[in-house]
Amino acid sequence: MASPAWDPYVRDCPTRDLLDRIGDRWTVLVIGTLAEGPRRFGDIAKAVDGVSQKMLTQTLRSLERDGLVTRTVFPQVPPRVDYELTPLGHSLRTPLHTLEVWATTHMEQVVEARRSYASAAAR
């Protein structure tokens, strides 16, 4: 059976949900953090400054559901849980890293554009 033609420009295409997931800032930052290797929840939270426990939990669950992250529980006291990118998650790292580089490279231009826009709107 042939694969369906996925088209994010079609309203009900599930690729839109996936684009929402991978375009989310917390997803970008969590995947970037996990690119360095397996990490514990607290280590991810420290690396991603500003993420709340609730948002990090939701992001990790969504990434696990989508097959981008694995969660491994180690039977010890207290329990240890590691999060790690799957091969699919690693395949997303390069395009997301490109977006990170673009954002940091062009941030000054964006800041200036925002200033110009605000100045023009205030007239």
PDB file of N, CA and C in Angstrom:
ATOM      1  N   MET A   1       0.855  -1.190   0.000  1.00  0.00           N
ATOM      2  CA  MET A   1       0.000   0.000   0.000  1.00  0.00           C
ATOM      3  C   MET A   1       0.890   1.240   0.000  1.00  0.00           C
ATOM      4  N   ALA A   2       0.566   2.185  -0.839  1.00  0.00           N
ATOM      5  CA  ALA A   2       1.367   3.404  -0.969  1.00  0.00           C
ATOM      6  C   ALA A   2       1.152   4.328   0.232  1.00  0.00           C
ATOM      7  N   SER A   3       2.191   5.074   0.560  1.00  0.00           N
ATOM      8  CA  SER A   3       2.086   6.064   1.637  1.00  0.00           C
ATOM      9  C   SER A   3       1.198   7.206   1.187  1.00  0.00           C
ATOM     10  N   PRO A   4       0.462   7.797   2.137  1.00  0.00           N
ATOM     11  CA  PRO A   4      -0.346   8.946   1.760  1.00  0.00           C
ATOM     12  C   PRO A   4       0.567  10.111   1.408  1.00  0.00           C
ATOM     13  N   ALA A   5       0.094  11.006   0.603  1.00  0.00           N
ATOM     14  CA  ALA A   5       0.853  12.212   0.263  1.00  0.00           C
ATOM     15  C   ALA A   5       0.614  13.235   1.363  1.00  0.00           C
ATOM     16  N   TRP A   6       1.637  13.470   2.151  1.00  0.00           N
ATOM     17  CA  TRP A   6       1.525  14.430   3.242  1.00  0.00           C
ATOM     18  C   TRP A   6       1.706  15.828   2.675  1.00  0.00           C
ATOM     19  N   ASP A   7       0.778  16.714   2.986  1.00  0.00           N
ATOM     20  CA  ASP A   7       0.840  18.077   2.473  1.00  0.00           C
ATOM     21  C   ASP A   7       0.429  19.049   3.568  1.00  0.00           C
ATOM     22  N   PRO A   8       1.389  19.732   4.179  1.00  0.00           N
ATOM     23  CA  PRO A   8       1.055  20.627   5.289  1.00  0.00           C
ATOM     24  C   PRO A   8       0.194  21.822   4.885  1.00  0.00           C
ATOM     25  N   TYR A   9       0.037  22.043   3.584  1.00  0.00           N
ATOM     26  CA  TYR A   9      -0.811  23.146   3.136  1.00  0.00           C
ATOM     27  C   TYR A   9      -2.283  22.750   3.089  1.00  0.00           C
ATOM     28  N   VAL A  10      -2.554  21.471   3.323  1.00  0.00           N
ATOM     29  CA  VAL A  10      -3.925  20.977   3.399  1.00  0.00           C
ATOM     30  C   VAL A  10      -4.350  21.016   4.865  1.00  0.00           C
ATOM     31  N   ARG A  11      -5.489  21.625   5.123  1.00  0.00           N
ATOM     32  CA  ARG A  11      -5.966  21.905   6.478  1.00  0.00           C
ATOM     33  C   ARG A  11      -5.879  20.744   7.455  1.00  0.00           C
ATOM     34  N   ASP A  12      -6.326  19.572   7.080  1.00  0.00           N
ATOM     35  CA  ASP A  12      -6.401  18.456   8.015  1.00  0.00           C
ATOM     36  C   ASP A  12      -5.187  17.529   7.982  1.00  0.00           C
ATOM     37  N   CYS A  13      -4.138  17.921   7.306  1.00  0.00           N
ATOM     38  CA  CYS A  13      -2.957  17.069   7.217  1.00  0.00           C
ATOM     39  C   CYS A  13      -2.239  17.017   8.572  1.00  0.00           C
ATOM     40  N   PRO A  14      -1.916  15.827   9.066  1.00  0.00           N
ATOM     41  CA  PRO A  14      -1.257  15.698  10.364  1.00  0.00           C
ATOM     42  C   PRO A  14       0.147  16.301  10.409  1.00  0.00           C
ATOM     43  N   THR A  15       0.710  16.620   9.250  1.00  0.00           N
ATOM     44  CA  THR A  15       2.029  17.260   9.274  1.00  0.00           C
ATOM     45  C   THR A  15       1.970  18.629   9.950  1.00  0.00           C
ATOM     46  N   ARG A  16       0.807  19.253   9.961  1.00  0.00           N
ATOM     47  CA  ARG A  16       0.679  20.547  10.651  1.00  0.00           C
ATOM     48  C   ARG A  16       0.931  20.404  12.140  1.00  0.00           C
ATOM     49  N   ASP A  17       0.420  19.330  12.721  1.00  0.00           N
ATOM     50  CA  ASP A  17       0.657  19.065  14.137  1.00  0.00           C
ATOM     51  C   ASP A  17       2.145  18.847  14.388  1.00  0.00           C
ATOM     52  N   LEU A  18       2.785  18.106  13.500  1.00  0.00           N
ATOM     53  CA  LEU A  18       4.216  17.861  13.640  1.00  0.00           C
ATOM     54  C   LEU A  18       5.012  19.156  13.486  1.00  0.00           C
ATOM     55  N   LEU A  19       4.636  20.000  12.552  1.00  0.00           N
ATOM     56  CA  LEU A  19       5.320  21.288  12.394  1.00  0.00           C
ATOM     57  C   LEU A  19       5.148  22.168  13.629  1.00  0.00           C
ATOM     58  N   ASP A  20       3.969  22.125  14.240  1.00  0.00           N
ATOM     59  CA  ASP A  20       3.767  22.848  15.502  1.00  0.00           C
ATOM     60  C   ASP A  20       4.738  22.329  16.557  1.00  0.00           C
ATOM     61  N   ARG A  21       4.896  21.029  16.636  1.00  0.00           N
ATOM     62  CA  ARG A  21       5.781  20.423  17.634  1.00  0.00           C
ATOM     63  C   ARG A  21       7.230  20.829  17.405  1.00  0.00           C
ATOM     64  N   ILE A  22       7.721  20.637  16.182  1.00  0.00           N
ATOM     65  CA  ILE A  22       9.143  20.890  15.946  1.00  0.00           C
ATOM     66  C   ILE A  22       9.461  22.370  15.825  1.00  0.00           C
ATOM     67  N   GLY A  23       8.444  23.207  15.636  1.00  0.00           N
ATOM     68  CA  GLY A  23       8.669  24.650  15.580  1.00  0.00           C
ATOM     69  C   GLY A  23       8.549  25.328  16.932  1.00  0.00           C
ATOM     70  N   ASP A  24       8.204  24.581  17.955  1.00  0.00           N
ATOM     71  CA  ASP A  24       8.050  25.121  19.298  1.00  0.00           C
ATOM     72  C   ASP A  24       9.423  25.421  19.898  1.00  0.00           C
ATOM     73  N   ARG A  25       9.561  26.564  20.562  1.00  0.00           N
ATOM     74  CA  ARG A  25      10.878  26.946  21.097  1.00  0.00           C
ATOM     75  C   ARG A  25      11.415  25.934  22.088  1.00  0.00           C
ATOM     76  N   TRP A  26      10.535  25.367  22.937  1.00  0.00           N
ATOM     77  CA  TRP A  26      11.028  24.411  23.922  1.00  0.00           C
ATOM     78  C   TRP A  26      11.530  23.148  23.241  1.00  0.00           C
ATOM     79  N   THR A  27      10.863  22.727  22.181  1.00  0.00           N
ATOM     80  CA  THR A  27      11.314  21.559  21.429  1.00  0.00           C
ATOM     81  C   THR A  27      12.693  21.818  20.840  1.00  0.00           C
ATOM     82  N   VAL A  28      12.868  22.968  20.215  1.00  0.00           N
ATOM     83  CA  VAL A  28      14.152  23.311  19.609  1.00  0.00           C
ATOM     84  C   VAL A  28      15.262  23.258  20.664  1.00  0.00           C
ATOM     85  N   LEU A  29      15.008  23.849  21.826  1.00  0.00           N
ATOM     86  CA  LEU A  29      16.031  23.918  22.870  1.00  0.00           C
ATOM     87  C   LEU A  29      16.281  22.566  23.535  1.00  0.00           C
ATOM     88  N   VAL A  30      15.233  21.785  23.746  1.00  0.00           N
ATOM     89  CA  VAL A  30      15.403  20.459  24.352  1.00  0.00           C
ATOM     90  C   VAL A  30      16.173  19.538  23.408  1.00  0.00           C
ATOM     91  N   ILE A  31      15.826  19.550  22.138  1.00  0.00           N
ATOM     92  CA  ILE A  31      16.547  18.711  21.179  1.00  0.00           C
ATOM     93  C   ILE A  31      18.003  19.154  21.090  1.00  0.00           C
ATOM     94  N   GLY A  32      18.244  20.455  21.106  1.00  0.00           N
ATOM     95  CA  GLY A  32      19.616  20.949  21.109  1.00  0.00           C
ATOM     96  C   GLY A  32      20.390  20.478  22.323  1.00  0.00           C
ATOM     97  N   THR A  33      19.746  20.476  23.466  1.00  0.00           N
ATOM     98  CA  THR A  33      20.386  20.007  24.701  1.00  0.00           C
ATOM     99  C   THR A  33      20.660  18.510  24.643  1.00  0.00           C
ATOM    100  N   LEU A  34      19.706  17.750  24.137  1.00  0.00           N
ATOM    101  CA  LEU A  34      19.871  16.293  24.075  1.00  0.00           C
ATOM    102  C   LEU A  34      20.829  15.856  22.965  1.00  0.00           C
ATOM    103  N   ALA A  35      21.173  16.755  22.062  1.00  0.00           N
ATOM    104  CA  ALA A  35      22.136  16.414  21.012  1.00  0.00           C
ATOM    105  C   ALA A  35      23.490  16.072  21.614  1.00  0.00           C
ATOM    106  N   GLU A  36      23.750  16.557  22.816  1.00  0.00           N
ATOM    107  CA  GLU A  36      25.019  16.288  23.505  1.00  0.00           C
ATOM    108  C   GLU A  36      25.042  14.906  24.141  1.00  0.00           C
ATOM    109  N   GLY A  37      23.912  14.235  24.206  1.00  0.00           N
ATOM    110  CA  GLY A  37      23.837  12.906  24.793  1.00  0.00           C
ATOM    111  C   GLY A  37      22.719  12.825  25.808  1.00  0.00           C
ATOM    112  N   PRO A  38      22.535  11.650  26.412  1.00  0.00           N
ATOM    113  CA  PRO A  38      21.452  11.454  27.378  1.00  0.00           C
ATOM    114  C   PRO A  38      21.572  12.427  28.549  1.00  0.00           C
ATOM    115  N   ARG A  39      20.431  12.913  29.007  1.00  0.00           N
ATOM    116  CA  ARG A  39      20.403  13.848  30.134  1.00  0.00           C
ATOM    117  C   ARG A  39      19.248  13.505  31.048  1.00  0.00           C
ATOM    118  N   ARG A  40      19.423  13.845  32.305  1.00  0.00           N
ATOM    119  CA  ARG A  40      18.344  13.715  33.284  1.00  0.00           C
ATOM    120  C   ARG A  40      17.475  14.958  33.217  1.00  0.00           C
ATOM    121  N   PHE A  41      16.259  14.827  33.729  1.00  0.00           N
ATOM    122  CA  PHE A  41      15.289  15.925  33.695  1.00  0.00           C
ATOM    123  C   PHE A  41      15.888  17.215  34.263  1.00  0.00           C
ATOM    124  N   GLY A  42      16.472  17.125  35.446  1.00  0.00           N
ATOM    125  CA  GLY A  42      17.033  18.310  36.091  1.00  0.00           C
ATOM    126  C   GLY A  42      18.150  18.946  35.288  1.00  0.00           C
ATOM    127  N   ASP A  43      18.948  18.127  34.619  1.00  0.00           N
ATOM    128  CA  ASP A  43      20.023  18.651  33.775  1.00  0.00           C
ATOM    129  C   ASP A  43      19.463  19.391  32.560  1.00  0.00           C
ATOM    130  N   ILE A  44      18.390  18.857  31.999  1.00  0.00           N
ATOM    131  CA  ILE A  44      17.749  19.528  30.866  1.00  0.00           C
ATOM    132  C   ILE A  44      17.171  20.856  31.333  1.00  0.00           C
ATOM    133  N   ALA A  45      16.511  20.843  32.478  1.00  0.00           N
ATOM    134  CA  ALA A  45      15.903  22.071  33.016  1.00  0.00           C
ATOM    135  C   ALA A  45      16.958  23.148  33.252  1.00  0.00           C
ATOM    136  N   LYS A  46      18.125  22.761  33.758  1.00  0.00           N
ATOM    137  CA  LYS A  46      19.202  23.734  33.975  1.00  0.00           C
ATOM    138  C   LYS A  46      19.740  24.282  32.655  1.00  0.00           C
ATOM    139  N   ALA A  47      19.846  23.421  31.660  1.00  0.00           N
ATOM    140  CA  ALA A  47      20.393  23.822  30.364  1.00  0.00           C
ATOM    141  C   ALA A  47      19.444  24.731  29.595  1.00  0.00           C
ATOM    142  N   VAL A  48      18.140  24.541  29.779  1.00  0.00           N
ATOM    143  CA  VAL A  48      17.125  25.321  29.055  1.00  0.00           C
ATOM    144  C   VAL A  48      16.567  26.363  30.023  1.00  0.00           C
ATOM    145  N   ASP A  49      17.304  27.416  30.192  1.00  0.00           N
ATOM    146  CA  ASP A  49      16.951  28.465  31.134  1.00  0.00           C
ATOM    147  C   ASP A  49      15.547  29.007  30.859  1.00  0.00           C
ATOM    148  N   GLY A  50      14.728  29.056  31.898  1.00  0.00           N
ATOM    149  CA  GLY A  50      13.398  29.647  31.782  1.00  0.00           C
ATOM    150  C   GLY A  50      12.262  28.669  31.549  1.00  0.00           C
ATOM    151  N   VAL A  51      12.567  27.416  31.224  1.00  0.00           N
ATOM    152  CA  VAL A  51      11.491  26.454  31.004  1.00  0.00           C
ATOM    153  C   VAL A  51      10.937  26.020  32.361  1.00  0.00           C
ATOM    154  N   SER A  52       9.617  26.011  32.471  1.00  0.00           N
ATOM    155  CA  SER A  52       9.000  25.553  33.716  1.00  0.00           C
ATOM    156  C   SER A  52       9.003  24.025  33.743  1.00  0.00           C
ATOM    157  N   GLN A  53       8.842  23.478  34.932  1.00  0.00           N
ATOM    158  CA  GLN A  53       8.778  22.023  35.080  1.00  0.00           C
ATOM    159  C   GLN A  53       7.613  21.469  34.258  1.00  0.00           C
ATOM    160  N   LYS A  54       6.482  22.158  34.292  1.00  0.00           N
ATOM    161  CA  LYS A  54       5.301  21.718  33.545  1.00  0.00           C
ATOM    162  C   LYS A  54       5.568  21.703  32.040  1.00  0.00           C
ATOM    163  N   MET A  55       6.161  22.775  31.518  1.00  0.00           N
ATOM    164  CA  MET A  55       6.422  22.841  30.075  1.00  0.00           C
ATOM    165  C   MET A  55       7.467  21.822  29.647  1.00  0.00           C
ATOM    166  N   LEU A  56       8.475  21.618  30.489  1.00  0.00           N
ATOM    167  CA  LEU A  56       9.498  20.628  30.145  1.00  0.00           C
ATOM    168  C   LEU A  56       8.896  19.228  30.133  1.00  0.00           C
ATOM    169  N   THR A  57       8.065  18.932  31.120  1.00  0.00           N
ATOM    170  CA  THR A  57       7.389  17.631  31.160  1.00  0.00           C
ATOM    171  C   THR A  57       6.526  17.440  29.918  1.00  0.00           C
ATOM    172  N   GLN A  58       5.727  18.433  29.560  1.00  0.00           N
ATOM    173  CA  GLN A  58       4.863  18.343  28.377  1.00  0.00           C
ATOM    174  C   GLN A  58       5.682  18.176  27.104  1.00  0.00           C
ATOM    175  N   THR A  59       6.762  18.933  27.007  1.00  0.00           N
ATOM    176  CA  THR A  59       7.608  18.860  25.813  1.00  0.00           C
ATOM    177  C   THR A  59       8.244  17.487  25.688  1.00  0.00           C
ATOM    178  N   LEU A  60       8.806  16.978  26.772  1.00  0.00           N
ATOM    179  CA  LEU A  60       9.433  15.654  26.726  1.00  0.00           C
ATOM    180  C   LEU A  60       8.419  14.565  26.406  1.00  0.00           C
ATOM    181  N   ARG A  61       7.230  14.655  26.973  1.00  0.00           N
ATOM    182  CA  ARG A  61       6.188  13.654  26.665  1.00  0.00           C
ATOM    183  C   ARG A  61       5.806  13.695  25.190  1.00  0.00           C
ATOM    184  N   SER A  62       5.652  14.889  24.655  1.00  0.00           N
ATOM    185  CA  SER A  62       5.302  15.021  23.235  1.00  0.00           C
ATOM    186  C   SER A  62       6.414  14.489  22.340  1.00  0.00           C
ATOM    187  N   LEU A  63       7.645  14.788  22.695  1.00  0.00           N
ATOM    188  CA  LEU A  63       8.778  14.302  21.902  1.00  0.00           C
ATOM    189  C   LEU A  63       8.875  12.774  21.978  1.00  0.00           C
ATOM    190  N   GLU A  64       8.562  12.221  23.139  1.00  0.00           N
ATOM    191  CA  GLU A  64       8.558  10.764  23.288  1.00  0.00           C
ATOM    192  C   GLU A  64       7.431  10.160  22.460  1.00  0.00           C
ATOM    193  N   ARG A  65       6.255  10.758  22.531  1.00  0.00           N
ATOM    194  CA  ARG A  65       5.096  10.269  21.766  1.00  0.00           C
ATOM    195  C   ARG A  65       5.389  10.268  20.269  1.00  0.00           C
ATOM    196  N   ASP A  66       6.108  11.291  19.794  1.00  0.00           N
ATOM    197  CA  ASP A  66       6.398  11.417  18.370  1.00  0.00           C
ATOM    198  C   ASP A  66       7.621  10.611  17.935  1.00  0.00           C
ATOM    199  N   GLY A  67       8.226   9.887  18.870  1.00  0.00           N
ATOM    200  CA  GLY A  67       9.352   9.026  18.519  1.00  0.00           C
ATOM    201  C   GLY A  67      10.675   9.746  18.383  1.00  0.00           C
ATOM    202  N   LEU A  68      10.776  10.957  18.935  1.00  0.00           N
ATOM    203  CA  LEU A  68      12.006  11.736  18.820  1.00  0.00           C
ATOM    204  C   LEU A  68      12.918  11.578  20.029  1.00  0.00           C
ATOM    205  N   VAL A  69      12.339  11.166  21.150  1.00  0.00           N
ATOM    206  CA  VAL A  69      13.075  11.020  22.407  1.00  0.00           C
ATOM    207  C   VAL A  69      12.677   9.702  23.056  1.00  0.00           C
ATOM    208  N   THR A  70      13.641   9.058  23.696  1.00  0.00           N
ATOM    209  CA  THR A  70      13.327   7.901  24.517  1.00  0.00           C
ATOM    210  C   THR A  70      13.526   8.272  25.980  1.00  0.00           C
ATOM    211  N   ARG A  71      12.748   7.631  26.810  1.00  0.00           N
ATOM    212  CA  ARG A  71      12.806   7.832  28.267  1.00  0.00           C
ATOM    213  C   ARG A  71      13.180   6.485  28.866  1.00  0.00           C
ATOM    214  N   THR A  72      14.293   6.466  29.595  1.00  0.00           N
ATOM    215  CA  THR A  72      14.753   5.231  30.214  1.00  0.00           C
ATOM    216  C   THR A  72      14.759   5.393  31.724  1.00  0.00           C
ATOM    217  N   VAL A  73      14.037   4.497  32.404  1.00  0.00           N
ATOM    218  CA  VAL A  73      13.980   4.501  33.872  1.00  0.00           C
ATOM    219  C   VAL A  73      14.946   3.440  34.372  1.00  0.00           C
ATOM    220  N   PHE A  74      15.853   3.854  35.257  1.00  0.00           N
ATOM    221  CA  PHE A  74      16.807   2.929  35.856  1.00  0.00           C
ATOM    222  C   PHE A  74      16.302   2.527  37.232  1.00  0.00           C
ATOM    223  N   PRO A  75      16.213   1.222  37.495  1.00  0.00           N
ATOM    224  CA  PRO A  75      15.680   0.749  38.777  1.00  0.00           C
ATOM    225  C   PRO A  75      16.708   0.918  39.907  1.00  0.00           C
ATOM    226  N   GLN A  76      16.679   2.067  40.492  1.00  0.00           N
ATOM    227  CA  GLN A  76      17.541   2.348  41.637  1.00  0.00           C
ATOM    228  C   GLN A  76      16.788   3.258  42.587  1.00  0.00           C
ATOM    229  N   VAL A  77      17.350   3.491  43.745  1.00  0.00           N
ATOM    230  CA  VAL A  77      16.688   4.355  44.723  1.00  0.00           C
ATOM    231  C   VAL A  77      17.589   5.548  44.972  1.00  0.00           C
ATOM    232  N   PRO A  78      17.111   6.765  44.724  1.00  0.00           N
ATOM    233  CA  PRO A  78      15.850   7.096  44.048  1.00  0.00           C
ATOM    234  C   PRO A  78      15.930   6.729  42.567  1.00  0.00           C
ATOM    235  N   PRO A  79      14.768   6.560  41.924  1.00  0.00           N
ATOM    236  CA  PRO A  79      14.774   6.189  40.506  1.00  0.00           C
ATOM    237  C   PRO A  79      15.489   7.248  39.668  1.00  0.00           C
ATOM    238  N   ARG A  80      16.195   6.782  38.669  1.00  0.00           N
ATOM    239  CA  ARG A  80      16.882   7.691  37.742  1.00  0.00           C
ATOM    240  C   ARG A  80      16.222   7.546  36.381  1.00  0.00           C
ATOM    241  N   VAL A  81      15.946   8.681  35.752  1.00  0.00           N
ATOM    242  CA  VAL A  81      15.323   8.687  34.432  1.00  0.00           C
ATOM    243  C   VAL A  81      16.214   9.498  33.500  1.00  0.00           C
ATOM    244  N   ASP A  82      16.563   8.907  32.368  1.00  0.00           N
ATOM    245  CA  ASP A  82      17.346   9.594  31.351  1.00  0.00           C
ATOM    246  C   ASP A  82      16.499   9.792  30.098  1.00  0.00           C
ATOM    247  N   TYR A  83      16.740  10.898  29.441  1.00  0.00           N
ATOM    248  CA  TYR A  83      16.101  11.197  28.165  1.00  0.00           C
ATOM    249  C   TYR A  83      17.188  11.255  27.111  1.00  0.00           C
ATOM    250  N   GLU A  84      16.877  10.713  25.935  1.00  0.00           N
ATOM    251  CA  GLU A  84      17.878  10.635  24.877  1.00  0.00           C
ATOM    252  C   GLU A  84      17.189  10.747  23.522  1.00  0.00           C
ATOM    253  N   LEU A  85      17.870  11.361  22.577  1.00  0.00           N
ATOM    254  CA  LEU A  85      17.329  11.437  21.224  1.00  0.00           C
ATOM    255  C   LEU A  85      17.354  10.056  20.578  1.00  0.00           C
ATOM    256  N   THR A  86      16.303   9.750  19.847  1.00  0.00           N
ATOM    257  CA  THR A  86      16.263   8.546  19.026  1.00  0.00           C
ATOM    258  C   THR A  86      16.981   8.870  17.710  1.00  0.00           C
ATOM    259  N   PRO A  87      17.190   7.887  16.851  1.00  0.00           N
ATOM    260  CA  PRO A  87      17.739   8.205  15.521  1.00  0.00           C
ATOM    261  C   PRO A  87      16.873   9.230  14.777  1.00  0.00           C
ATOM    262  N   LEU A  88      15.557   9.115  14.908  1.00  0.00           N
ATOM    263  CA  LEU A  88      14.667  10.098  14.283  1.00  0.00           C
ATOM    264  C   LEU A  88      14.898  11.488  14.877  1.00  0.00           C
ATOM    265  N   GLY A  89      15.062  11.559  16.191  1.00  0.00           N
ATOM    266  CA  GLY A  89      15.351  12.830  16.853  1.00  0.00           C
ATOM    267  C   GLY A  89      16.676  13.415  16.397  1.00  0.00           C
ATOM    268  N   HIS A  90      17.685  12.555  16.250  1.00  0.00           N
ATOM    269  CA  HIS A  90      18.986  13.030  15.753  1.00  0.00           C
ATOM    270  C   HIS A  90      18.866  13.586  14.338  1.00  0.00           C
ATOM    271  N   SER A  91      17.988  12.993  13.530  1.00  0.00           N
ATOM    272  CA  SER A  91      17.832  13.474  12.151  1.00  0.00           C
ATOM    273  C   SER A  91      17.239  14.878  12.111  1.00  0.00           C
ATOM    274  N   LEU A  92      16.574  15.279  13.169  1.00  0.00           N
ATOM    275  CA  LEU A  92      15.990  16.619  13.255  1.00  0.00           C
ATOM    276  C   LEU A  92      16.998  17.646  13.753  1.00  0.00           C
ATOM    277  N   ARG A  93      18.066  17.190  14.364  1.00  0.00           N
ATOM    278  CA  ARG A  93      19.038  18.099  14.966  1.00  0.00           C
ATOM    279  C   ARG A  93      19.652  19.060  13.954  1.00  0.00           C
ATOM    280  N   THR A  94      20.035  18.593  12.793  1.00  0.00           N
ATOM    281  CA  THR A  94      20.687  19.462  11.808  1.00  0.00           C
ATOM    282  C   THR A  94      19.784  20.606  11.357  1.00  0.00           C
ATOM    283  N   PRO A  95      18.538  20.341  10.937  1.00  0.00           N
ATOM    284  CA  PRO A  95      17.708  21.489  10.538  1.00  0.00           C
ATOM    285  C   PRO A  95      17.412  22.440  11.694  1.00  0.00           C
ATOM    286  N   LEU A  96      17.235  21.915  12.905  1.00  0.00           N
ATOM    287  CA  LEU A  96      16.971  22.806  14.037  1.00  0.00           C
ATOM    288  C   LEU A  96      18.209  23.623  14.392  1.00  0.00           C
ATOM    289  N   HIS A  97      19.380  23.024  14.278  1.00  0.00           N
ATOM    290  CA  HIS A  97      20.616  23.763  14.531  1.00  0.00           C
ATOM    291  C   HIS A  97      20.770  24.896  13.509  1.00  0.00           C
ATOM    292  N   THR A  98      20.404  24.617  12.265  1.00  0.00           N
ATOM    293  CA  THR A  98      20.449  25.647  11.230  1.00  0.00           C
ATOM    294  C   THR A  98      19.543  26.818  11.601  1.00  0.00           C
ATOM    295  N   LEU A  99      18.356  26.528  12.139  1.00  0.00           N
ATOM    296  CA  LEU A  99      17.451  27.597  12.582  1.00  0.00           C
ATOM    297  C   LEU A  99      18.048  28.384  13.748  1.00  0.00           C
ATOM    298  N   GLU A 100      18.687  27.692  14.693  1.00  0.00           N
ATOM    299  CA  GLU A 100      19.336  28.372  15.814  1.00  0.00           C
ATOM    300  C   GLU A 100      20.415  29.323  15.314  1.00  0.00           C
ATOM    301  N   VAL A 101      21.242  28.848  14.383  1.00  0.00           N
ATOM    302  CA  VAL A 101      22.314  29.685  13.829  1.00  0.00           C
ATOM    303  C   VAL A 101      21.720  30.883  13.105  1.00  0.00           C
ATOM    304  N   TRP A 102      20.672  30.647  12.319  1.00  0.00           N
ATOM    305  CA  TRP A 102      20.028  31.751  11.604  1.00  0.00           C
ATOM    306  C   TRP A 102      19.517  32.795  12.597  1.00  0.00           C
ATOM    307  N   ALA A 103      18.851  32.345  13.655  1.00  0.00           N
ATOM    308  CA  ALA A 103      18.285  33.269  14.649  1.00  0.00           C
ATOM    309  C   ALA A 103      19.375  34.095  15.321  1.00  0.00           C
ATOM    310  N   THR A 104      20.461  33.460  15.723  1.00  0.00           N
ATOM    311  CA  THR A 104      21.515  34.211  16.408  1.00  0.00           C
ATOM    312  C   THR A 104      22.271  35.121  15.445  1.00  0.00           C
ATOM    313  N   THR A 105      22.412  34.705  14.205  1.00  0.00           N
ATOM    314  CA  THR A 105      23.105  35.521  13.203  1.00  0.00           C
ATOM    315  C   THR A 105      22.299  36.757  12.816  1.00  0.00           C
ATOM    316  N   HIS A 106      20.987  36.628  12.748  1.00  0.00           N
ATOM    317  CA  HIS A 106      20.137  37.713  12.242  1.00  0.00           C
ATOM    318  C   HIS A 106      19.368  38.457  13.322  1.00  0.00           C
ATOM    319  N   MET A 107      19.636  38.175  14.580  1.00  0.00           N
ATOM    320  CA  MET A 107      18.857  38.797  15.650  1.00  0.00           C
ATOM    321  C   MET A 107      18.973  40.318  15.648  1.00  0.00           C
ATOM    322  N   GLU A 108      20.148  40.853  15.401  1.00  0.00           N
ATOM    323  CA  GLU A 108      20.297  42.319  15.363  1.00  0.00           C
ATOM    324  C   GLU A 108      19.407  42.936  14.295  1.00  0.00           C
ATOM    325  N   GLN A 109      19.329  42.318  13.127  1.00  0.00           N
ATOM    326  CA  GLN A 109      18.478  42.825  12.054  1.00  0.00           C
ATOM    327  C   GLN A 109      17.002  42.759  12.450  1.00  0.00           C
ATOM    328  N   VAL A 110      16.619  41.706  13.132  1.00  0.00           N
ATOM    329  CA  VAL A 110      15.233  41.560  13.579  1.00  0.00           C
ATOM    330  C   VAL A 110      14.909  42.615  14.634  1.00  0.00           C
ATOM    331  N   VAL A 111      15.834  42.823  15.559  1.00  0.00           N
ATOM    332  CA  VAL A 111      15.629  43.857  16.589  1.00  0.00           C
ATOM    333  C   VAL A 111      15.460  45.220  15.934  1.00  0.00           C
ATOM    334  N   GLU A 112      16.276  45.520  14.953  1.00  0.00           N
ATOM    335  CA  GLU A 112      16.166  46.811  14.249  1.00  0.00           C
ATOM    336  C   GLU A 112      14.850  46.911  13.488  1.00  0.00           C
ATOM    337  N   ALA A 113      14.429  45.844  12.848  1.00  0.00           N
ATOM    338  CA  ALA A 113      13.152  45.845  12.134  1.00  0.00           C
ATOM    339  C   ALA A 113      12.001  46.081  13.105  1.00  0.00           C
ATOM    340  N   ARG A 114      12.063  45.469  14.279  1.00  0.00           N
ATOM    341  CA  ARG A 114      11.016  45.669  15.284  1.00  0.00           C
ATOM    342  C   ARG A 114      10.992  47.112  15.757  1.00  0.00           C
ATOM    343  N   ARG A 115      12.172  47.691  15.954  1.00  0.00           N
ATOM    344  CA  ARG A 115      12.228  49.115  16.355  1.00  0.00           C
ATOM    345  C   ARG A 115      11.612  50.004  15.285  1.00  0.00           C
ATOM    346  N   SER A 116      11.965  49.758  14.029  1.00  0.00           N
ATOM    347  CA  SER A 116      11.420  50.558  12.924  1.00  0.00           C
ATOM    348  C   SER A 116       9.915  50.412  12.827  1.00  0.00           C
ATOM    349  N   TYR A 117       9.443  49.200  13.000  1.00  0.00           N
ATOM    350  CA  TYR A 117       8.014  48.938  12.919  1.00  0.00           C
ATOM    351  C   TYR A 117       7.278  49.670  14.045  1.00  0.00           C
ATOM    352  N   ALA A 118       7.815  49.573  15.268  1.00  0.00           N
ATOM    353  CA  ALA A 118       7.185  50.239  16.412  1.00  0.00           C
ATOM    354  C   ALA A 118       7.204  51.745  16.235  1.00  0.00           C
ATOM    355  N   SER A 119       8.299  52.271  15.704  1.00  0.00           N
ATOM    356  CA  SER A 119       8.421  53.707  15.474  1.00  0.00           C
ATOM    357  C   SER A 119       7.391  54.173  14.433  1.00  0.00           C
ATOM    358  N   ALA A 120       7.249  53.424  13.367  1.00  0.00           N
ATOM    359  CA  ALA A 120       6.290  53.779  12.314  1.00  0.00           C
ATOM    360  C   ALA A 120       4.859  53.654  12.818  1.00  0.00           C
ATOM    361  N   ALA A 121       4.596  52.665  13.658  1.00  0.00           N
ATOM    362  CA  ALA A 121       3.239  52.473  14.193  1.00  0.00           C
ATOM    363  C   ALA A 121       2.869  53.577  15.176  1.00  0.00           C
ATOM    364  N   ALA A 122       3.864  54.156  15.819  1.00  0.00           N
ATOM    365  CA  ALA A 122       3.614  55.192  16.810  1.00  0.00           C
ATOM    366  C   ALA A 122       3.309  56.549  16.167  1.00  0.00           C
ATOM    367  N   ARG A 123       3.588  56.695  14.900  1.00  0.00           N
ATOM    368  CA  ARG A 123       3.369  57.990  14.203  1.00  0.00           C
ATOM    369  C   ARG A 123       1.926  58.225  13.927  1.00  0.00           C
TER     370      ARG A 123
END
